[in-house]
Amino acid sequence: MTDKRKPEGIWGWLLLPVIGLIIGAIISIIVSFLSLFGYFFGEEWAYLTFLLLLVGAFFSIYSLFLIFNKRKEAPRWTILTIWYFTAVDIVLWLILPDTLWEKPSGVLLAPVIWTLYFVYSKRVKNTFKK
């Protein structure tokens, strides 16, 4: 007998971006407040990094809210959040080349893969219907 259930719910590969959003929100909040005191990036970039990372934390938390409530907007917001952090990574690397910020090699690979997953996955389509 064949199991005809459709993949649904926050399981499987969908767990990885959810875990990433949780960790990303926590790290963004911590690093954004530490940047106000000149840690990591120096005082001249403190407010910019604070703002960029705090906005990213908001995106992460809002995406998680949509995901856990299984709202149909969740995939779009998650894709937006992933690309936002990619853009922030590139911008901070460009303006802070001599800091702890690492060169974003292969930075576009993960966002492209997760975008394709959120657009074409049956699990995503079956989970986010509200």
C-alpha atoms as a PDB file:
ATOM      1  CA  MET A   1       0.000   0.000   0.000  1.00  0.00           C
ATOM      2  CA  THR A   2       1.363   3.418  -0.937  1.00  0.00           C
ATOM      3  CA  ASP A   3       1.368   6.335   1.454  1.00  0.00           C
ATOM      4  CA  LYS A   4      -0.440   9.178  -0.349  1.00  0.00           C
ATOM      5  CA  ARG A   5       0.208  11.894   2.226  1.00  0.00           C
ATOM      6  CA  LYS A   6       1.660  15.085   0.864  1.00  0.00           C
ATOM      7  CA  PRO A   7       4.803  16.562   2.430  1.00  0.00           C
ATOM      8  CA  GLU A   8       3.561  19.221   4.800  1.00  0.00           C
ATOM      9  CA  GLY A   9       4.664  21.028   7.933  1.00  0.00           C
ATOM     10  CA  ILE A  10       7.891  22.471   9.207  1.00  0.00           C
ATOM     11  CA  TRP A  11      10.035  19.358   8.762  1.00  0.00           C
ATOM     12  CA  GLY A  12      12.611  18.087   6.337  1.00  0.00           C
ATOM     13  CA  TRP A  13      14.698  20.652   4.483  1.00  0.00           C
ATOM     14  CA  LEU A  14      12.414  23.433   5.702  1.00  0.00           C
ATOM     15  CA  LEU A  15      13.955  23.072   9.165  1.00  0.00           C
ATOM     16  CA  LEU A  16      17.312  24.381   7.926  1.00  0.00           C
ATOM     17  CA  PRO A  17      16.196  27.891   6.963  1.00  0.00           C
ATOM     18  CA  VAL A  18      14.057  28.067  10.128  1.00  0.00           C
ATOM     19  CA  ILE A  19      17.086  27.257  12.273  1.00  0.00           C
ATOM     20  CA  GLY A  20      19.119  29.756  10.237  1.00  0.00           C
ATOM     21  CA  LEU A  21      16.518  32.483  10.814  1.00  0.00           C
ATOM     22  CA  ILE A  22      16.517  31.829  14.575  1.00  0.00           C
ATOM     23  CA  ILE A  23      20.316  31.908  14.808  1.00  0.00           C
ATOM     24  CA  GLY A  24      20.477  34.889  12.427  1.00  0.00           C
ATOM     25  CA  ALA A  25      18.051  36.912  14.539  1.00  0.00           C
ATOM     26  CA  ILE A  26      19.961  36.199  17.765  1.00  0.00           C
ATOM     27  CA  ILE A  27      23.375  36.966  16.262  1.00  0.00           C
ATOM     28  CA  SER A  28      22.084  40.101  14.507  1.00  0.00           C
ATOM     29  CA  ILE A  29      20.664  41.512  17.730  1.00  0.00           C
ATOM     30  CA  ILE A  30      23.836  40.790  19.706  1.00  0.00           C
ATOM     31  CA  VAL A  31      26.253  42.094  17.055  1.00  0.00           C
ATOM     32  CA  SER A  32      24.113  45.160  16.303  1.00  0.00           C
ATOM     33  CA  PHE A  33      24.209  46.284  19.939  1.00  0.00           C
ATOM     34  CA  LEU A  34      27.910  45.463  20.307  1.00  0.00           C
ATOM     35  CA  SER A  35      28.597  47.527  17.182  1.00  0.00           C
ATOM     36  CA  LEU A  36      27.175  50.595  18.922  1.00  0.00           C
ATOM     37  CA  PHE A  37      30.122  50.413  21.317  1.00  0.00           C
ATOM     38  CA  GLY A  38      32.643  50.161  18.501  1.00  0.00           C
ATOM     39  CA  TYR A  39      33.254  46.411  18.737  1.00  0.00           C
ATOM     40  CA  PHE A  40      33.985  44.579  15.486  1.00  0.00           C
ATOM     41  CA  PHE A  41      33.717  47.475  13.028  1.00  0.00           C
ATOM     42  CA  GLY A  42      34.968  50.634  14.706  1.00  0.00           C
ATOM     43  CA  GLU A  43      33.018  53.674  15.847  1.00  0.00           C
ATOM     44  CA  GLU A  44      32.735  55.319  12.426  1.00  0.00           C
ATOM     45  CA  TRP A  45      30.555  52.456  11.151  1.00  0.00           C
ATOM     46  CA  ALA A  46      28.715  51.777  14.408  1.00  0.00           C
ATOM     47  CA  TYR A  47      25.337  53.286  13.506  1.00  0.00           C
ATOM     48  CA  LEU A  48      25.274  51.837   9.994  1.00  0.00           C
ATOM     49  CA  THR A  49      26.025  48.302  11.172  1.00  0.00           C
ATOM     50  CA  PHE A  50      23.584  48.700  14.062  1.00  0.00           C
ATOM     51  CA  LEU A  51      20.805  49.721  11.682  1.00  0.00           C
ATOM     52  CA  LEU A  52      21.560  47.103   9.016  1.00  0.00           C
ATOM     53  CA  LEU A  53      21.716  44.233  11.494  1.00  0.00           C
ATOM     54  CA  LEU A  54      18.710  45.366  13.507  1.00  0.00           C
ATOM     55  CA  VAL A  55      16.602  45.532  10.330  1.00  0.00           C
ATOM     56  CA  GLY A  56      17.841  42.028   9.495  1.00  0.00           C
ATOM     57  CA  ALA A  57      16.806  40.816  12.945  1.00  0.00           C
ATOM     58  CA  PHE A  58      13.340  42.290  12.381  1.00  0.00           C
ATOM     59  CA  PHE A  59      13.086  40.522   9.007  1.00  0.00           C
ATOM     60  CA  SER A  60      14.147  37.233  10.620  1.00  0.00           C
ATOM     61  CA  ILE A  61      11.684  37.506  13.491  1.00  0.00           C
ATOM     62  CA  TYR A  62       8.820  38.505  11.202  1.00  0.00           C
ATOM     63  CA  SER A  63       9.633  35.657   8.792  1.00  0.00           C
ATOM     64  CA  LEU A  64       9.638  33.217  11.715  1.00  0.00           C
ATOM     65  CA  PHE A  65       6.276  34.568  12.883  1.00  0.00           C
ATOM     66  CA  LEU A  66       4.829  33.967   9.413  1.00  0.00           C
ATOM     67  CA  ILE A  67       6.414  30.515   9.170  1.00  0.00           C
ATOM     68  CA  PHE A  68       5.138  29.287  12.536  1.00  0.00           C
ATOM     69  CA  ASN A  69       1.663  30.612  11.733  1.00  0.00           C
ATOM     70  CA  LYS A  70       1.900  28.926   8.307  1.00  0.00           C
ATOM     71  CA  ARG A  71       0.929  32.105   6.460  1.00  0.00           C
ATOM     72  CA  LYS A  72       1.113  32.166   2.674  1.00  0.00           C
ATOM     73  CA  GLU A  73       3.396  35.233   2.834  1.00  0.00           C
ATOM     74  CA  ALA A  74       6.086  33.260   4.698  1.00  0.00           C
ATOM     75  CA  PRO A  75       8.022  32.036   1.651  1.00  0.00           C
ATOM     76  CA  ARG A  76       8.238  35.560   0.163  1.00  0.00           C
ATOM     77  CA  TRP A  77       9.395  37.095   3.442  1.00  0.00           C
ATOM     78  CA  THR A  78      11.907  34.316   4.023  1.00  0.00           C
ATOM     79  CA  ILE A  79      13.356  34.788   0.541  1.00  0.00           C
ATOM     80  CA  LEU A  80      13.502  38.554   1.166  1.00  0.00           C
ATOM     81  CA  THR A  81      15.277  37.987   4.488  1.00  0.00           C
ATOM     82  CA  ILE A  82      17.830  35.625   2.970  1.00  0.00           C
ATOM     83  CA  TRP A  83      18.628  38.086   0.164  1.00  0.00           C
ATOM     84  CA  TYR A  84      18.697  41.016   2.615  1.00  0.00           C
ATOM     85  CA  PHE A  85      21.385  39.300   4.694  1.00  0.00           C
ATOM     86  CA  THR A  86      23.293  38.478   1.504  1.00  0.00           C
ATOM     87  CA  ALA A  87      23.235  42.151   0.491  1.00  0.00           C
ATOM     88  CA  VAL A  88      24.305  43.221   4.000  1.00  0.00           C
ATOM     89  CA  ASP A  89      27.146  40.709   3.892  1.00  0.00           C
ATOM     90  CA  ILE A  90      28.392  42.116   0.586  1.00  0.00           C
ATOM     91  CA  VAL A  91      27.979  45.773   1.652  1.00  0.00           C
ATOM     92  CA  LEU A  92      29.809  45.272   4.949  1.00  0.00           C
ATOM     93  CA  TRP A  93      32.602  43.408   3.191  1.00  0.00           C
ATOM     94  CA  LEU A  94      32.969  46.240   0.672  1.00  0.00           C
ATOM     95  CA  ILE A  95      33.024  49.088   3.198  1.00  0.00           C
ATOM     96  CA  LEU A  96      34.909  47.222   5.940  1.00  0.00           C
ATOM     97  CA  PRO A  97      37.578  45.226   4.061  1.00  0.00           C
ATOM     98  CA  ASP A  98      40.191  45.388   6.843  1.00  0.00           C
ATOM     99  CA  THR A  99      38.004  44.132   9.668  1.00  0.00           C
ATOM    100  CA  LEU A 100      36.913  40.751  10.946  1.00  0.00           C
ATOM    101  CA  TRP A 101      34.289  40.654   8.195  1.00  0.00           C
ATOM    102  CA  GLU A 102      35.256  37.799   5.914  1.00  0.00           C
ATOM    103  CA  LYS A 103      35.316  37.839   2.127  1.00  0.00           C
ATOM    104  CA  PRO A 104      31.887  36.658   0.980  1.00  0.00           C
ATOM    105  CA  SER A 105      33.140  33.929  -1.348  1.00  0.00           C
ATOM    106  CA  GLY A 106      30.276  31.897  -2.733  1.00  0.00           C
ATOM    107  CA  VAL A 107      27.858  34.277  -1.057  1.00  0.00           C
ATOM    108  CA  LEU A 108      25.253  33.947  -3.810  1.00  0.00           C
ATOM    109  CA  LEU A 109      25.066  30.155  -3.852  1.00  0.00           C
ATOM    110  CA  ALA A 110      22.977  29.640  -0.709  1.00  0.00           C
ATOM    111  CA  PRO A 111      20.391  32.357  -1.465  1.00  0.00           C
ATOM    112  CA  VAL A 112      19.880  31.004  -4.978  1.00  0.00           C
ATOM    113  CA  ILE A 113      19.402  27.454  -3.673  1.00  0.00           C
ATOM    114  CA  TRP A 114      16.963  28.514  -0.918  1.00  0.00           C
ATOM    115  CA  THR A 115      15.047  30.773  -3.296  1.00  0.00           C
ATOM    116  CA  LEU A 116      14.561  27.852  -5.664  1.00  0.00           C
ATOM    117  CA  TYR A 117      13.522  25.649  -2.735  1.00  0.00           C
ATOM    118  CA  PHE A 118      10.903  28.113  -1.482  1.00  0.00           C
ATOM    119  CA  VAL A 119       9.547  28.671  -4.993  1.00  0.00           C
ATOM    120  CA  TYR A 120       9.340  25.050  -6.178  1.00  0.00           C
ATOM    121  CA  SER A 121       9.084  22.868  -3.047  1.00  0.00           C
ATOM    122  CA  LYS A 122       5.916  20.825  -2.604  1.00  0.00           C
ATOM    123  CA  ARG A 123       6.358  20.962   1.167  1.00  0.00           C
ATOM    124  CA  VAL A 124       6.437  24.766   1.087  1.00  0.00           C
ATOM    125  CA  LYS A 125       3.347  24.922  -1.125  1.00  0.00           C
ATOM    126  CA  ASN A 126       1.453  22.457   1.082  1.00  0.00           C
ATOM    127  CA  THR A 127       2.494  24.084   4.365  1.00  0.00           C
ATOM    128  CA  PHE A 128       1.836  27.778   3.745  1.00  0.00           C
ATOM    129  CA  LYS A 129      -1.781  28.115   2.677  1.00  0.00           C
ATOM    130  CA  LYS A 130      -3.404  30.535   5.147  1.00  0.00           C
END
